[in-house]
Amino acid sequence: MHRDRGVSAAAIPGDRKRIGEPMDRSSPSTSWGFSGGREKERIGVGKQPEMPRSGGGSTAMSKSKLSDESETDSEESDVSGSDGEDTSWISWFCSLKGNEFFCEVDDDYIQDDFNLCGLSNQVPYYDYALDLILDVESSHGDMLTEEQNELIESAAEMLYGLIHVRYIITSKGLSAMER
């Protein structure tokens, strides 16, 4: 669809025949499926917490990495984010390599349904992902397979990104990003 904008005015009638075609083919820059590929790469980084330990790590994030080391000893702590630890999922996620530009969104903002309007239609496993972000203990945790846990973690990362986008345009969010 973007390619057709540079075409001269003589090509307009041909464009009108193809108006329904962009709906059938999604543009890589605007499709959710395309960003899902990048999310999987980011999950790979999040799923490999042992790599920062062997790499030495930076001194600025050494405190958060110490708490992350004990938290990431098992695969289950990767998914839940806070198995008995003081570190919340949001803090853990924001401290991951590559997430330096994320700020910690207030729990009150996330718990307000008005701020999440429409996101349940965009994110798979929305309820599970929201529970993971808010560190709510789920009674379904034992019944989920490893593959389902990975899908929920991916959904939580996507959901947090969408919530973060909305949060940083608020006055509280702008001041949090400034810090």
C-alpha atoms as a PDB file:
ATOM      1  CA  MET A   1       0.000   0.000   0.000  1.00  0.00           C
ATOM      2  CA  HIS A   2       2.858   2.378   0.772  1.00  0.00           C
ATOM      3  CA  ARG A   3       4.514   1.591  -2.539  1.00  0.00           C
ATOM      4  CA  ASP A   4       1.481   2.855  -4.429  1.00  0.00           C
ATOM      5  CA  ARG A   5       1.724   6.379  -2.978  1.00  0.00           C
ATOM      6  CA  GLY A   6       4.605   7.395  -5.199  1.00  0.00           C
ATOM      7  CA  VAL A   7       2.756   6.396  -8.396  1.00  0.00           C
ATOM      8  CA  SER A   8       1.578   9.139 -10.763  1.00  0.00           C
ATOM      9  CA  ALA A   9      -2.061  10.226 -11.010  1.00  0.00           C
ATOM     10  CA  ALA A  10      -2.534   8.143 -14.171  1.00  0.00           C
ATOM     11  CA  ALA A  11      -2.302   4.951 -12.122  1.00  0.00           C
ATOM     12  CA  ILE A  12      -5.163   5.836  -9.762  1.00  0.00           C
ATOM     13  CA  PRO A  13      -7.867   3.801 -11.566  1.00  0.00           C
ATOM     14  CA  GLY A  14      -5.674   0.687 -11.280  1.00  0.00           C
ATOM     15  CA  ASP A  15      -5.207   1.345  -7.579  1.00  0.00           C
ATOM     16  CA  ARG A  16      -8.935   1.476  -7.004  1.00  0.00           C
ATOM     17  CA  LYS A  17      -9.340  -2.066  -8.287  1.00  0.00           C
ATOM     18  CA  ARG A  18      -6.766  -3.268  -5.781  1.00  0.00           C
ATOM     19  CA  ILE A  19      -8.148  -1.496  -2.730  1.00  0.00           C
ATOM     20  CA  GLY A  20      -9.147  -4.749  -1.006  1.00  0.00           C
ATOM     21  CA  GLU A  21      -5.798  -6.395  -1.715  1.00  0.00           C
ATOM     22  CA  PRO A  22      -3.785  -4.830   1.156  1.00  0.00           C
ATOM     23  CA  MET A  23      -6.277  -6.342   3.579  1.00  0.00           C
ATOM     24  CA  ASP A  24      -5.331  -9.805   2.320  1.00  0.00           C
ATOM     25  CA  ARG A  25      -1.589  -9.180   2.526  1.00  0.00           C
ATOM     26  CA  SER A  26      -0.348  -7.486   5.649  1.00  0.00           C
ATOM     27  CA  SER A  27       2.551  -5.107   5.399  1.00  0.00           C
ATOM     28  CA  PRO A  28       5.589  -6.233   7.406  1.00  0.00           C
ATOM     29  CA  SER A  29       5.845  -2.823   9.041  1.00  0.00           C
ATOM     30  CA  THR A  30       2.309  -2.889  10.380  1.00  0.00           C
ATOM     31  CA  SER A  31       1.497  -6.532  10.966  1.00  0.00           C
ATOM     32  CA  TRP A  32       1.492  -8.042  14.443  1.00  0.00           C
ATOM     33  CA  GLY A  33       2.932 -11.269  13.099  1.00  0.00           C
ATOM     34  CA  PHE A  34       6.114  -9.512  12.017  1.00  0.00           C
ATOM     35  CA  SER A  35       6.788  -8.089  15.474  1.00  0.00           C
ATOM     36  CA  GLY A  36       6.095 -11.520  16.900  1.00  0.00           C
ATOM     37  CA  GLY A  37       9.321 -12.694  15.281  1.00  0.00           C
ATOM     38  CA  ARG A  38      11.265 -10.033  17.141  1.00  0.00           C
ATOM     39  CA  GLU A  39       9.469 -10.957  20.340  1.00  0.00           C
ATOM     40  CA  LYS A  40      10.672 -14.535  19.956  1.00  0.00           C
ATOM     41  CA  GLU A  41      14.252 -13.277  19.614  1.00  0.00           C
ATOM     42  CA  ARG A  42      13.820 -11.186  22.759  1.00  0.00           C
ATOM     43  CA  ILE A  43      12.401 -14.212  24.558  1.00  0.00           C
ATOM     44  CA  GLY A  44      15.524 -16.084  23.564  1.00  0.00           C
ATOM     45  CA  VAL A  45      17.546 -13.454  25.402  1.00  0.00           C
ATOM     46  CA  GLY A  46      15.198 -13.640  28.383  1.00  0.00           C
ATOM     47  CA  LYS A  47      15.274 -17.428  28.388  1.00  0.00           C
ATOM     48  CA  GLN A  48      19.079 -17.504  28.508  1.00  0.00           C
ATOM     49  CA  PRO A  49      19.738 -15.762  31.840  1.00  0.00           C
ATOM     50  CA  GLU A  50      22.914 -17.758  32.410  1.00  0.00           C
ATOM     51  CA  MET A  51      24.625 -15.933  29.545  1.00  0.00           C
ATOM     52  CA  PRO A  52      24.976 -12.626  31.464  1.00  0.00           C
ATOM     53  CA  ARG A  53      26.499 -14.491  34.415  1.00  0.00           C
ATOM     54  CA  SER A  54      29.240 -16.024  32.289  1.00  0.00           C
ATOM     55  CA  GLY A  55      29.788 -12.768  30.394  1.00  0.00           C
ATOM     56  CA  GLY A  56      30.672 -10.831  33.542  1.00  0.00           C
ATOM     57  CA  GLY A  57      27.938  -8.213  33.317  1.00  0.00           C
ATOM     58  CA  SER A  58      28.150  -4.481  33.904  1.00  0.00           C
ATOM     59  CA  THR A  59      28.842  -2.945  37.286  1.00  0.00           C
ATOM     60  CA  ALA A  60      25.860  -0.601  37.062  1.00  0.00           C
ATOM     61  CA  MET A  61      23.397  -3.475  37.018  1.00  0.00           C
ATOM     62  CA  SER A  62      25.270  -5.809  39.367  1.00  0.00           C
ATOM     63  CA  LYS A  63      22.709  -5.501  42.180  1.00  0.00           C
ATOM     64  CA  SER A  64      19.806  -6.451  39.941  1.00  0.00           C
ATOM     65  CA  LYS A  65      21.820  -9.258  38.363  1.00  0.00           C
ATOM     66  CA  LEU A  66      22.550 -10.766  41.767  1.00  0.00           C
ATOM     67  CA  SER A  67      18.853 -11.016  42.487  1.00  0.00           C
ATOM     68  CA  ASP A  68      18.236 -12.228  38.931  1.00  0.00           C
ATOM     69  CA  GLU A  69      20.821 -15.023  39.311  1.00  0.00           C
ATOM     70  CA  SER A  70      19.005 -16.685  42.171  1.00  0.00           C
ATOM     71  CA  GLU A  71      15.720 -16.046  40.421  1.00  0.00           C
ATOM     72  CA  THR A  72      16.770 -17.680  37.165  1.00  0.00           C
ATOM     73  CA  ASP A  73      18.191 -20.908  38.552  1.00  0.00           C
ATOM     74  CA  SER A  74      15.135 -22.817  37.364  1.00  0.00           C
ATOM     75  CA  GLU A  75      13.024 -22.540  34.238  1.00  0.00           C
ATOM     76  CA  GLU A  76       9.921 -21.936  36.363  1.00  0.00           C
ATOM     77  CA  SER A  77      11.337 -18.773  37.904  1.00  0.00           C
ATOM     78  CA  ASP A  78      11.826 -17.386  34.394  1.00  0.00           C
ATOM     79  CA  VAL A  79       8.112 -17.680  33.776  1.00  0.00           C
ATOM     80  CA  SER A  80       6.734 -16.553  37.107  1.00  0.00           C
ATOM     81  CA  GLY A  81       9.257 -13.771  37.635  1.00  0.00           C
ATOM     82  CA  SER A  82       9.172 -13.735  41.439  1.00  0.00           C
ATOM     83  CA  ASP A  83       9.226 -17.108  43.154  1.00  0.00           C
ATOM     84  CA  GLY A  84       9.499 -15.847  46.726  1.00  0.00           C
ATOM     85  CA  GLU A  85      11.786 -12.986  45.712  1.00  0.00           C
ATOM     86  CA  ASP A  86      11.287  -9.260  46.275  1.00  0.00           C
ATOM     87  CA  THR A  87      11.909  -8.596  42.595  1.00  0.00           C
ATOM     88  CA  SER A  88       8.710  -8.115  40.632  1.00  0.00           C
ATOM     89  CA  TRP A  89       8.225  -9.350  37.078  1.00  0.00           C
ATOM     90  CA  ILE A  90       8.232  -5.745  35.889  1.00  0.00           C
ATOM     91  CA  SER A  91      11.583  -5.013  37.562  1.00  0.00           C
ATOM     92  CA  TRP A  92      13.036  -8.234  36.187  1.00  0.00           C
ATOM     93  CA  PHE A  93      11.781  -7.488  32.673  1.00  0.00           C
ATOM     94  CA  CYS A  94      13.061  -3.903  32.693  1.00  0.00           C
ATOM     95  CA  SER A  95      16.500  -5.061  33.845  1.00  0.00           C
ATOM     96  CA  LEU A  96      16.944  -7.505  30.950  1.00  0.00           C
ATOM     97  CA  LYS A  97      19.560  -6.679  28.353  1.00  0.00           C
ATOM     98  CA  GLY A  98      17.850  -4.844  25.512  1.00  0.00           C
ATOM     99  CA  ASN A  99      15.087  -3.430  27.710  1.00  0.00           C
ATOM    100  CA  GLU A 100      17.034  -0.435  29.011  1.00  0.00           C
ATOM    101  CA  PHE A 101      14.513   2.000  27.563  1.00  0.00           C
ATOM    102  CA  PHE A 102      11.568   0.502  29.423  1.00  0.00           C
ATOM    103  CA  CYS A 103      10.539   2.180  32.657  1.00  0.00           C
ATOM    104  CA  GLU A 104       8.624   0.472  35.433  1.00  0.00           C
ATOM    105  CA  VAL A 105       4.905   1.089  34.947  1.00  0.00           C
ATOM    106  CA  ASP A 106       2.957   1.665  38.183  1.00  0.00           C
ATOM    107  CA  ASP A 107       0.848  -1.295  39.296  1.00  0.00           C
ATOM    108  CA  ASP A 108      -2.082   1.082  39.812  1.00  0.00           C
ATOM    109  CA  TYR A 109      -1.901   2.104  36.158  1.00  0.00           C
ATOM    110  CA  ILE A 110      -1.854  -1.530  35.017  1.00  0.00           C
ATOM    111  CA  GLN A 111      -4.730  -2.517  37.299  1.00  0.00           C
ATOM    112  CA  ASP A 112      -6.991   0.229  35.935  1.00  0.00           C
ATOM    113  CA  ASP A 113      -9.110  -1.436  33.240  1.00  0.00           C
ATOM    114  CA  PHE A 114      -9.556   1.881  31.415  1.00  0.00           C
ATOM    115  CA  ASN A 115      -5.831   1.971  30.624  1.00  0.00           C
ATOM    116  CA  LEU A 116      -5.969  -1.542  29.160  1.00  0.00           C
ATOM    117  CA  CYS A 117      -8.981  -0.946  26.923  1.00  0.00           C
ATOM    118  CA  GLY A 118      -8.726  -2.979  23.707  1.00  0.00           C
ATOM    119  CA  LEU A 119      -5.533  -4.811  24.612  1.00  0.00           C
ATOM    120  CA  SER A 120      -7.305  -8.087  25.355  1.00  0.00           C
ATOM    121  CA  ASN A 121      -8.135  -8.332  21.645  1.00  0.00           C
ATOM    122  CA  GLN A 122      -4.510  -7.816  20.604  1.00  0.00           C
ATOM    123  CA  VAL A 123      -2.656 -10.087  23.008  1.00  0.00           C
ATOM    124  CA  PRO A 124      -3.088 -13.860  23.136  1.00  0.00           C
ATOM    125  CA  TYR A 125      -3.408 -15.361  26.633  1.00  0.00           C
ATOM    126  CA  TYR A 126      -4.230 -11.840  27.861  1.00  0.00           C
ATOM    127  CA  ASP A 127      -5.479 -12.839  31.328  1.00  0.00           C
ATOM    128  CA  TYR A 128      -2.523 -15.123  32.003  1.00  0.00           C
ATOM    129  CA  ALA A 129      -0.092 -12.499  30.708  1.00  0.00           C
ATOM    130  CA  LEU A 130      -1.623  -9.793  32.890  1.00  0.00           C
ATOM    131  CA  ASP A 131      -1.422 -12.067  35.937  1.00  0.00           C
ATOM    132  CA  LEU A 132       2.243 -12.715  35.164  1.00  0.00           C
ATOM    133  CA  ILE A 133       3.002  -8.994  34.853  1.00  0.00           C
ATOM    134  CA  LEU A 134       1.220  -8.199  38.125  1.00  0.00           C
ATOM    135  CA  ASP A 135       2.820 -11.174  39.935  1.00  0.00           C
ATOM    136  CA  VAL A 136      -0.555 -12.720  40.681  1.00  0.00           C
ATOM    137  CA  GLU A 137      -0.206 -16.366  41.650  1.00  0.00           C
ATOM    138  CA  SER A 138      -2.200 -18.471  39.224  1.00  0.00           C
ATOM    139  CA  SER A 139      -3.875 -21.702  40.223  1.00  0.00           C
ATOM    140  CA  HIS A 140      -3.336 -22.954  36.661  1.00  0.00           C
ATOM    141  CA  GLY A 141       0.469 -22.787  36.856  1.00  0.00           C
ATOM    142  CA  ASP A 142       0.889 -26.501  37.494  1.00  0.00           C
ATOM    143  CA  MET A 143      -1.438 -27.508  34.672  1.00  0.00           C
ATOM    144  CA  LEU A 144       0.361 -25.537  31.936  1.00  0.00           C
ATOM    145  CA  THR A 145       2.941 -27.141  29.690  1.00  0.00           C
ATOM    146  CA  GLU A 146       6.362 -25.636  29.097  1.00  0.00           C
ATOM    147  CA  GLU A 147       5.252 -24.525  25.627  1.00  0.00           C
ATOM    148  CA  GLN A 148       2.196 -22.775  27.077  1.00  0.00           C
ATOM    149  CA  ASN A 149       4.379 -21.062  29.685  1.00  0.00           C
ATOM    150  CA  GLU A 150       6.638 -19.778  26.908  1.00  0.00           C
ATOM    151  CA  LEU A 151       3.625 -18.481  24.978  1.00  0.00           C
ATOM    152  CA  ILE A 152       2.330 -16.742  28.095  1.00  0.00           C
ATOM    153  CA  GLU A 153       5.727 -15.172  28.740  1.00  0.00           C
ATOM    154  CA  SER A 154       5.856 -13.951  25.148  1.00  0.00           C
ATOM    155  CA  ALA A 155       2.339 -12.550  25.513  1.00  0.00           C
ATOM    156  CA  ALA A 156       3.335 -10.836  28.772  1.00  0.00           C
ATOM    157  CA  GLU A 157       6.283  -9.159  27.079  1.00  0.00           C
ATOM    158  CA  MET A 158       4.044  -7.979  24.247  1.00  0.00           C
ATOM    159  CA  LEU A 159       1.365  -6.789  26.675  1.00  0.00           C
ATOM    160  CA  TYR A 160       3.874  -4.933  28.830  1.00  0.00           C
ATOM    161  CA  GLY A 161       5.224  -3.198  25.736  1.00  0.00           C
ATOM    162  CA  LEU A 162       1.730  -2.075  24.751  1.00  0.00           C
ATOM    163  CA  ILE A 163       0.965  -0.904  28.296  1.00  0.00           C
ATOM    164  CA  HIS A 164       4.325   0.881  28.426  1.00  0.00           C
ATOM    165  CA  VAL A 165       3.549   2.782  25.222  1.00  0.00           C
ATOM    166  CA  ARG A 166       0.345   4.093  26.775  1.00  0.00           C
ATOM    167  CA  TYR A 167       1.980   4.831  30.132  1.00  0.00           C
ATOM    168  CA  ILE A 168       4.868   6.948  28.868  1.00  0.00           C
ATOM    169  CA  ILE A 169       2.526   9.515  27.321  1.00  0.00           C
ATOM    170  CA  THR A 170       1.047  10.269  30.754  1.00  0.00           C
ATOM    171  CA  SER A 171       2.662  12.834  33.056  1.00  0.00           C
ATOM    172  CA  LYS A 172       3.809  10.105  35.472  1.00  0.00           C
ATOM    173  CA  GLY A 173       5.187   8.072  32.594  1.00  0.00           C
ATOM    174  CA  LEU A 174       7.075  11.020  31.132  1.00  0.00           C
ATOM    175  CA  SER A 175       8.702  11.768  34.478  1.00  0.00           C
ATOM    176  CA  ALA A 176       9.603   8.083  34.881  1.00  0.00           C
ATOM    177  CA  MET A 177      11.245   8.064  31.452  1.00  0.00           C
ATOM    178  CA  GLU A 178      13.110  11.257  32.303  1.00  0.00           C
ATOM    179  CA  ARG A 179      14.744   9.517  35.261  1.00  0.00           C
END
